[in-house]
PDB file of all heavy atoms in Angstrom:
ATOM      1  N   THR A   1       2.397   6.932   4.201  1.00  0.00           N
ATOM      2  CA  THR A   1       1.051   7.420   4.232  1.00  0.00           C
ATOM      3  C   THR A   1       0.439   7.172   2.820  1.00  0.00           C
ATOM      4  O   THR A   1       0.968   7.620   1.869  1.00  0.00           O
ATOM      5  CB  THR A   1       0.985   8.890   4.603  1.00  0.00           C
ATOM      6  OG1 THR A   1       1.630   9.114   5.918  1.00  0.00           O
ATOM      7  CG2 THR A   1      -0.509   9.400   4.712  1.00  0.00           C
ATOM      8  N   ILE A   2      -0.725   6.424   2.833  1.00  0.00           N
ATOM      9  CA  ILE A   2      -1.463   6.278   1.656  1.00  0.00           C
ATOM     10  C   ILE A   2      -2.780   6.796   1.860  1.00  0.00           C
ATOM     11  O   ILE A   2      -3.531   6.417   2.769  1.00  0.00           O
ATOM     12  CB  ILE A   2      -1.501   4.833   1.238  1.00  0.00           C
ATOM     13  CG1 ILE A   2      -0.144   4.147   0.960  1.00  0.00           C
ATOM     14  CG2 ILE A   2      -2.375   4.636  -0.049  1.00  0.00           C
ATOM     15  CD1 ILE A   2      -0.115   2.769   0.538  1.00  0.00           C
ATOM     16  N   ASN A   3      -3.143   7.808   1.096  1.00  0.00           N
ATOM     17  CA  ASN A   3      -4.583   8.455   1.094  1.00  0.00           C
ATOM     18  C   ASN A   3      -4.821   8.927   2.575  1.00  0.00           C
ATOM     19  O   ASN A   3      -5.864   8.757   3.052  1.00  0.00           O
ATOM     20  CB  ASN A   3      -5.687   7.473   0.709  1.00  0.00           C
ATOM     21  CG  ASN A   3      -5.514   7.169  -0.821  1.00  0.00           C
ATOM     22  OD1 ASN A   3      -4.892   7.801  -1.496  1.00  0.00           O
ATOM     23  ND2 ASN A   3      -6.079   6.007  -1.143  1.00  0.00           N
ATOM     24  N   ASP A   4      -3.781   9.566   3.153  1.00  0.00           N
ATOM     25  CA  ASP A   4      -3.872  10.165   4.476  1.00  0.00           C
ATOM     26  C   ASP A   4      -3.919   9.034   5.651  1.00  0.00           C
ATOM     27  O   ASP A   4      -4.359   9.421   6.749  1.00  0.00           O
ATOM     28  CB  ASP A   4      -5.048  11.118   4.643  1.00  0.00           C
ATOM     29  CG  ASP A   4      -4.854  12.324   3.639  1.00  0.00           C
ATOM     30  OD1 ASP A   4      -3.727  12.762   3.465  1.00  0.00           O
ATOM     31  OD2 ASP A   4      -5.829  12.809   3.093  1.00  0.00           O
ATOM     32  N   GLN A   5      -3.781   7.890   5.305  1.00  0.00           N
ATOM     33  CA  GLN A   5      -3.720   6.762   6.267  1.00  0.00           C
ATOM     34  C   GLN A   5      -2.350   6.286   6.584  1.00  0.00           C
ATOM     35  O   GLN A   5      -1.637   5.897   5.658  1.00  0.00           O
ATOM     36  CB  GLN A   5      -4.569   5.578   5.757  1.00  0.00           C
ATOM     37  CG  GLN A   5      -4.679   4.352   6.658  1.00  0.00           C
ATOM     38  CD  GLN A   5      -5.494   3.255   6.049  1.00  0.00           C
ATOM     39  OE1 GLN A   5      -6.170   3.450   5.057  1.00  0.00           O
ATOM     40  NE2 GLN A   5      -5.557   2.183   6.685  1.00  0.00           N
ATOM     41  N   ILE A   6      -1.865   6.336   7.802  1.00  0.00           N
ATOM     42  CA  ILE A   6      -0.439   5.988   8.220  1.00  0.00           C
ATOM     43  C   ILE A   6      -0.384   4.549   8.272  1.00  0.00           C
ATOM     44  O   ILE A   6      -1.198   3.894   8.984  1.00  0.00           O
ATOM     45  CB  ILE A   6      -0.078   6.719   9.479  1.00  0.00           C
ATOM     46  CG1 ILE A   6      -0.066   8.173   9.367  1.00  0.00           C
ATOM     47  CG2 ILE A   6       1.291   6.174   9.864  1.00  0.00           C
ATOM     48  CD1 ILE A   6       0.158   8.909  10.501  1.00  0.00           C
ATOM     49  N   LEU A   7       0.570   3.944   7.508  1.00  0.00           N
ATOM     50  CA  LEU A   7       0.696   2.476   7.458  1.00  0.00           C
ATOM     51  C   LEU A   7       2.084   2.025   7.805  1.00  0.00           C
ATOM     52  O   LEU A   7       2.966   2.816   7.532  1.00  0.00           O
ATOM     53  CB  LEU A   7       0.356   1.936   6.118  1.00  0.00           C
ATOM     54  CG  LEU A   7      -1.064   2.391   5.492  1.00  0.00           C
ATOM     55  CD1 LEU A   7      -1.094   1.991   4.093  1.00  0.00           C
ATOM     56  CD2 LEU A   7      -2.151   1.661   6.368  1.00  0.00           C
ATOM     57  N   GLU A   8       2.221   0.844   8.390  1.00  0.00           N
ATOM     58  CA  GLU A   8       3.576   0.145   8.567  1.00  0.00           C
ATOM     59  C   GLU A   8       3.914  -0.457   7.242  1.00  0.00           C
ATOM     60  O   GLU A   8       3.064  -1.158   6.661  1.00  0.00           O
ATOM     61  CB  GLU A   8       3.422  -0.838   9.669  1.00  0.00           C
ATOM     62  CG  GLU A   8       3.180  -0.178  11.091  1.00  0.00           C
ATOM     63  CD  GLU A   8       4.507   0.500  11.625  1.00  0.00           C
ATOM     64  OE1 GLU A   8       5.596   0.148  11.237  1.00  0.00           O
ATOM     65  OE2 GLU A   8       4.281   1.493  12.315  1.00  0.00           O
ATOM     66  N   ALA A   9       5.113  -0.433   6.933  1.00  0.00           N
ATOM     67  CA  ALA A   9       5.735  -1.085   5.634  1.00  0.00           C
ATOM     68  C   ALA A   9       7.133  -1.531   5.882  1.00  0.00           C
ATOM     69  O   ALA A   9       7.884  -1.024   6.799  1.00  0.00           O
ATOM     70  CB  ALA A   9       5.581  -0.126   4.489  1.00  0.00           C
ATOM     71  N   ASN A  10       7.514  -2.481   5.081  1.00  0.00           N
ATOM     72  CA  ASN A  10       8.969  -2.935   5.064  1.00  0.00           C
ATOM     73  C   ASN A  10       9.603  -2.108   3.921  1.00  0.00           C
ATOM     74  O   ASN A  10       9.103  -1.948   2.817  1.00  0.00           O
ATOM     75  CB  ASN A  10       8.967  -4.336   4.720  1.00  0.00           C
ATOM     76  CG  ASN A  10       8.337  -5.141   5.876  1.00  0.00           C
ATOM     77  OD1 ASN A  10       8.631  -4.902   7.012  1.00  0.00           O
ATOM     78  ND2 ASN A  10       7.614  -6.163   5.486  1.00  0.00           N
ATOM     79  N   GLU A  11      10.844  -1.563   4.126  1.00  0.00           N
ATOM     80  CA  GLU A  11      11.568  -0.796   3.166  1.00  0.00           C
ATOM     81  C   GLU A  11      11.839  -1.782   2.079  1.00  0.00           C
ATOM     82  O   GLU A  11      12.112  -2.918   2.223  1.00  0.00           O
ATOM     83  CB  GLU A  11      12.825  -0.313   3.868  1.00  0.00           C
ATOM     84  CG  GLU A  11      13.640   0.578   2.892  1.00  0.00           C
ATOM     85  CD  GLU A  11      14.724   1.357   3.517  1.00  0.00           C
ATOM     86  OE1 GLU A  11      14.893   1.343   4.744  1.00  0.00           O
ATOM     87  OE2 GLU A  11      15.524   1.936   2.726  1.00  0.00           O
ATOM     88  N   GLY A  12      11.565  -1.128   0.828  1.00  0.00           N
ATOM     89  CA  GLY A  12      11.845  -1.992  -0.358  1.00  0.00           C
ATOM     90  C   GLY A  12      10.639  -2.697  -0.908  1.00  0.00           C
ATOM     91  O   GLY A  12      10.603  -3.287  -1.969  1.00  0.00           O
ATOM     92  N   GLU A  13       9.592  -2.845  -0.124  1.00  0.00           N
ATOM     93  CA  GLU A  13       8.274  -3.426  -0.566  1.00  0.00           C
ATOM     94  C   GLU A  13       7.576  -2.560  -1.545  1.00  0.00           C
ATOM     95  O   GLU A  13       7.584  -1.340  -1.333  1.00  0.00           O
ATOM     96  CB  GLU A  13       7.462  -3.628   0.718  1.00  0.00           C
ATOM     97  CG  GLU A  13       6.189  -4.503   0.451  1.00  0.00           C
ATOM     98  CD  GLU A  13       5.401  -4.773   1.728  1.00  0.00           C
ATOM     99  OE1 GLU A  13       5.818  -4.194   2.860  1.00  0.00           O
ATOM    100  OE2 GLU A  13       4.477  -5.475   1.668  1.00  0.00           O
ATOM    101  N   SER A  14       6.951  -3.081  -2.459  1.00  0.00           N
ATOM    102  CA  SER A  14       6.247  -2.224  -3.482  1.00  0.00           C
ATOM    103  C   SER A  14       5.009  -1.537  -2.867  1.00  0.00           C
ATOM    104  O   SER A  14       4.354  -2.065  -1.981  1.00  0.00           O
ATOM    105  CB  SER A  14       5.862  -3.128  -4.723  1.00  0.00           C
ATOM    106  OG  SER A  14       4.671  -3.848  -4.413  1.00  0.00           O
ATOM    107  N   ILE A  15       4.815  -0.405  -3.387  1.00  0.00           N
ATOM    108  CA  ILE A  15       3.592   0.363  -2.931  1.00  0.00           C
ATOM    109  C   ILE A  15       2.281  -0.424  -3.248  1.00  0.00           C
ATOM    110  O   ILE A  15       1.451  -0.460  -2.335  1.00  0.00           O
ATOM    111  CB  ILE A  15       3.546   1.782  -3.518  1.00  0.00           C
ATOM    112  CG1 ILE A  15       4.749   2.580  -3.121  1.00  0.00           C
ATOM    113  CG2 ILE A  15       2.269   2.394  -3.355  1.00  0.00           C
ATOM    114  CD1 ILE A  15       4.983   3.842  -3.937  1.00  0.00           C
ATOM    115  N   LEU A  16       2.214  -1.066  -4.263  1.00  0.00           N
ATOM    116  CA  LEU A  16       1.114  -1.824  -4.665  1.00  0.00           C
ATOM    117  C   LEU A  16       0.803  -2.992  -3.642  1.00  0.00           C
ATOM    118  O   LEU A  16      -0.238  -3.236  -3.219  1.00  0.00           O
ATOM    119  CB  LEU A  16       1.229  -2.432  -6.079  1.00  0.00           C
ATOM    120  CG  LEU A  16       0.033  -3.212  -6.594  1.00  0.00           C
ATOM    121  CD1 LEU A  16      -1.322  -2.418  -6.586  1.00  0.00           C
ATOM    122  CD2 LEU A  16       0.260  -3.803  -7.930  1.00  0.00           C
ATOM    123  N   ASN A  17       1.824  -3.653  -3.283  1.00  0.00           N
ATOM    124  CA  ASN A  17       1.740  -4.730  -2.239  1.00  0.00           C
ATOM    125  C   ASN A  17       1.295  -4.179  -0.818  1.00  0.00           C
ATOM    126  O   ASN A  17       0.456  -4.762  -0.192  1.00  0.00           O
ATOM    127  CB  ASN A  17       2.951  -5.560  -2.141  1.00  0.00           C
ATOM    128  CG  ASN A  17       3.148  -6.466  -3.264  1.00  0.00           C
ATOM    129  OD1 ASN A  17       2.177  -6.896  -3.883  1.00  0.00           O
ATOM    130  ND2 ASN A  17       4.353  -6.975  -3.376  1.00  0.00           N
ATOM    131  N   ILE A  18       1.864  -3.006  -0.490  1.00  0.00           N
ATOM    132  CA  ILE A  18       1.456  -2.374   0.789  1.00  0.00           C
ATOM    133  C   ILE A  18       0.014  -1.984   0.743  1.00  0.00           C
ATOM    134  O   ILE A  18      -0.774  -2.256   1.719  1.00  0.00           O
ATOM    135  CB  ILE A  18       2.409  -1.244   1.184  1.00  0.00           C
ATOM    136  CG1 ILE A  18       3.768  -1.703   1.257  1.00  0.00           C
ATOM    137  CG2 ILE A  18       1.839  -0.484   2.284  1.00  0.00           C
ATOM    138  CD1 ILE A  18       4.804  -0.550   1.227  1.00  0.00           C
ATOM    139  N   ALA A  19      -0.474  -1.387  -0.299  1.00  0.00           N
ATOM    140  CA  ALA A  19      -1.824  -0.992  -0.467  1.00  0.00           C
ATOM    141  C   ALA A  19      -2.818  -2.241  -0.411  1.00  0.00           C
ATOM    142  O   ALA A  19      -3.758  -2.201   0.393  1.00  0.00           O
ATOM    143  CB  ALA A  19      -1.978  -0.215  -1.748  1.00  0.00           C
ATOM    144  N   ARG A  20      -2.429  -3.254  -1.192  1.00  0.00           N
ATOM    145  CA  ARG A  20      -3.258  -4.443  -1.171  1.00  0.00           C
ATOM    146  C   ARG A  20      -3.425  -5.045   0.252  1.00  0.00           C
ATOM    147  O   ARG A  20      -4.464  -5.462   0.684  1.00  0.00           O
ATOM    148  CB  ARG A  20      -2.706  -5.537  -2.064  1.00  0.00           C
ATOM    149  CG  ARG A  20      -3.046  -5.078  -3.576  1.00  0.00           C
ATOM    150  CD  ARG A  20      -2.455  -6.142  -4.510  1.00  0.00           C
ATOM    151  NE  ARG A  20      -2.836  -5.925  -5.878  1.00  0.00           N
ATOM    152  CZ  ARG A  20      -2.521  -6.546  -6.981  1.00  0.00           C
ATOM    153  NH1 ARG A  20      -1.739  -7.726  -6.697  1.00  0.00           N
ATOM    154  NH2 ARG A  20      -2.918  -6.397  -8.084  1.00  0.00           N
ATOM    155  N   ALA A  21      -2.302  -5.104   0.896  1.00  0.00           N
ATOM    156  CA  ALA A  21      -2.198  -5.694   2.268  1.00  0.00           C
ATOM    157  C   ALA A  21      -3.063  -4.891   3.251  1.00  0.00           C
ATOM    158  O   ALA A  21      -3.531  -5.428   4.412  1.00  0.00           O
ATOM    159  CB  ALA A  21      -0.768  -5.810   2.815  1.00  0.00           C
ATOM    160  N   ASN A  22      -3.264  -3.686   2.922  1.00  0.00           N
ATOM    161  CA  ASN A  22      -4.138  -2.777   3.911  1.00  0.00           C
ATOM    162  C   ASN A  22      -5.490  -2.467   3.374  1.00  0.00           C
ATOM    163  O   ASN A  22      -6.138  -1.554   3.724  1.00  0.00           O
ATOM    164  CB  ASN A  22      -3.284  -1.534   4.165  1.00  0.00           C
ATOM    165  CG  ASN A  22      -2.158  -1.713   5.093  1.00  0.00           C
ATOM    166  OD1 ASN A  22      -2.286  -1.900   6.236  1.00  0.00           O
ATOM    167  ND2 ASN A  22      -0.987  -1.928   4.528  1.00  0.00           N
ATOM    168  N   GLY A  23      -5.996  -3.141   2.365  1.00  0.00           N
ATOM    169  CA  GLY A  23      -7.252  -3.025   1.770  1.00  0.00           C
ATOM    170  C   GLY A  23      -7.475  -1.728   0.938  1.00  0.00           C
ATOM    171  O   GLY A  23      -8.550  -1.360   0.775  1.00  0.00           O
ATOM    172  N   ILE A  24      -6.443  -1.196   0.426  1.00  0.00           N
ATOM    173  CA  ILE A  24      -6.511  -0.004  -0.421  1.00  0.00           C
ATOM    174  C   ILE A  24      -6.313  -0.384  -1.916  1.00  0.00           C
ATOM    175  O   ILE A  24      -5.450  -1.055  -2.332  1.00  0.00           O
ATOM    176  CB  ILE A  24      -5.412   1.010  -0.216  1.00  0.00           C
ATOM    177  CG1 ILE A  24      -5.451   1.377   1.397  1.00  0.00           C
ATOM    178  CG2 ILE A  24      -5.380   2.251  -1.050  1.00  0.00           C
ATOM    179  CD1 ILE A  24      -4.339   2.269   1.890  1.00  0.00           C
ATOM    180  N   TYR A  25      -7.446  -0.058  -2.636  1.00  0.00           N
ATOM    181  CA  TYR A  25      -7.474  -0.517  -4.060  1.00  0.00           C
ATOM    182  C   TYR A  25      -6.628   0.402  -4.957  1.00  0.00           C
ATOM    183  O   TYR A  25      -6.781   1.626  -4.961  1.00  0.00           O
ATOM    184  CB  TYR A  25      -8.989  -0.497  -4.397  1.00  0.00           C
ATOM    185  CG  TYR A  25      -9.093  -0.959  -5.935  1.00  0.00           C
ATOM    186  CD1 TYR A  25      -8.892  -2.106  -6.361  1.00  0.00           C
ATOM    187  CD2 TYR A  25      -9.547   0.110  -6.848  1.00  0.00           C
ATOM    188  CE1 TYR A  25      -9.036  -2.532  -7.683  1.00  0.00           C
ATOM    189  CE2 TYR A  25      -9.622  -0.247  -8.197  1.00  0.00           C
ATOM    190  CZ  TYR A  25      -9.438  -1.603  -8.663  1.00  0.00           C
ATOM    191  OH  TYR A  25      -9.537  -1.934  -9.910  1.00  0.00           O
ATOM    192  N   ILE A  26      -5.821  -0.210  -5.739  1.00  0.00           N
ATOM    193  CA  ILE A  26      -5.127   0.377  -6.856  1.00  0.00           C
ATOM    194  C   ILE A  26      -5.325  -0.571  -7.980  1.00  0.00           C
ATOM    195  O   ILE A  26      -4.977  -1.706  -7.976  1.00  0.00           O
ATOM    196  CB  ILE A  26      -3.571   0.544  -6.617  1.00  0.00           C
ATOM    197  CG1 ILE A  26      -3.407   1.425  -5.359  1.00  0.00           C
ATOM    198  CG2 ILE A  26      -2.871   1.145  -7.694  1.00  0.00           C
ATOM    199  CD1 ILE A  26      -1.957   1.524  -4.856  1.00  0.00           C
ATOM    200  N   PRO A  27      -5.894  -0.034  -9.109  1.00  0.00           N
ATOM    201  CA  PRO A  27      -6.152  -0.875 -10.263  1.00  0.00           C
ATOM    202  C   PRO A  27      -4.858  -1.367 -10.935  1.00  0.00           C
ATOM    203  O   PRO A  27      -3.885  -0.629 -10.952  1.00  0.00           O
ATOM    204  CB  PRO A  27      -6.976  -0.051 -11.206  1.00  0.00           C
ATOM    205  CG  PRO A  27      -6.601   1.418 -10.856  1.00  0.00           C
ATOM    206  CD  PRO A  27      -6.280   1.254  -9.431  1.00  0.00           C
ATOM    207  N   ALA A  28      -4.841  -2.617 -11.418  1.00  0.00           N
ATOM    208  CA  ALA A  28      -3.716  -3.214 -12.049  1.00  0.00           C
ATOM    209  C   ALA A  28      -4.158  -4.351 -12.964  1.00  0.00           C
ATOM    210  O   ALA A  28      -4.931  -5.149 -12.496  1.00  0.00           O
ATOM    211  CB  ALA A  28      -2.665  -3.618 -11.105  1.00  0.00           C
ATOM    212  N   LEU A  29      -3.806  -4.384 -14.198  1.00  0.00           N
ATOM    213  CA  LEU A  29      -4.136  -5.503 -15.040  1.00  0.00           C
ATOM    214  C   LEU A  29      -2.992  -6.332 -15.315  1.00  0.00           C
ATOM    215  O   LEU A  29      -3.082  -7.619 -15.391  1.00  0.00           O
ATOM    216  CB  LEU A  29      -4.560  -4.910 -16.481  1.00  0.00           C
ATOM    217  CG  LEU A  29      -5.850  -4.131 -16.547  1.00  0.00           C
ATOM    218  CD1 LEU A  29      -6.033  -3.623 -18.015  1.00  0.00           C
ATOM    219  CD2 LEU A  29      -7.002  -4.994 -16.024  1.00  0.00           C
TER     220      LEU A  29
END
């Protein structure tokens, strides 16, 4: 669950990649 949105993910995948794949913005330089 990211920001109260339930998402499908692969175990071991980074949180940042999961968020990006689902249109959830997390800043990163």
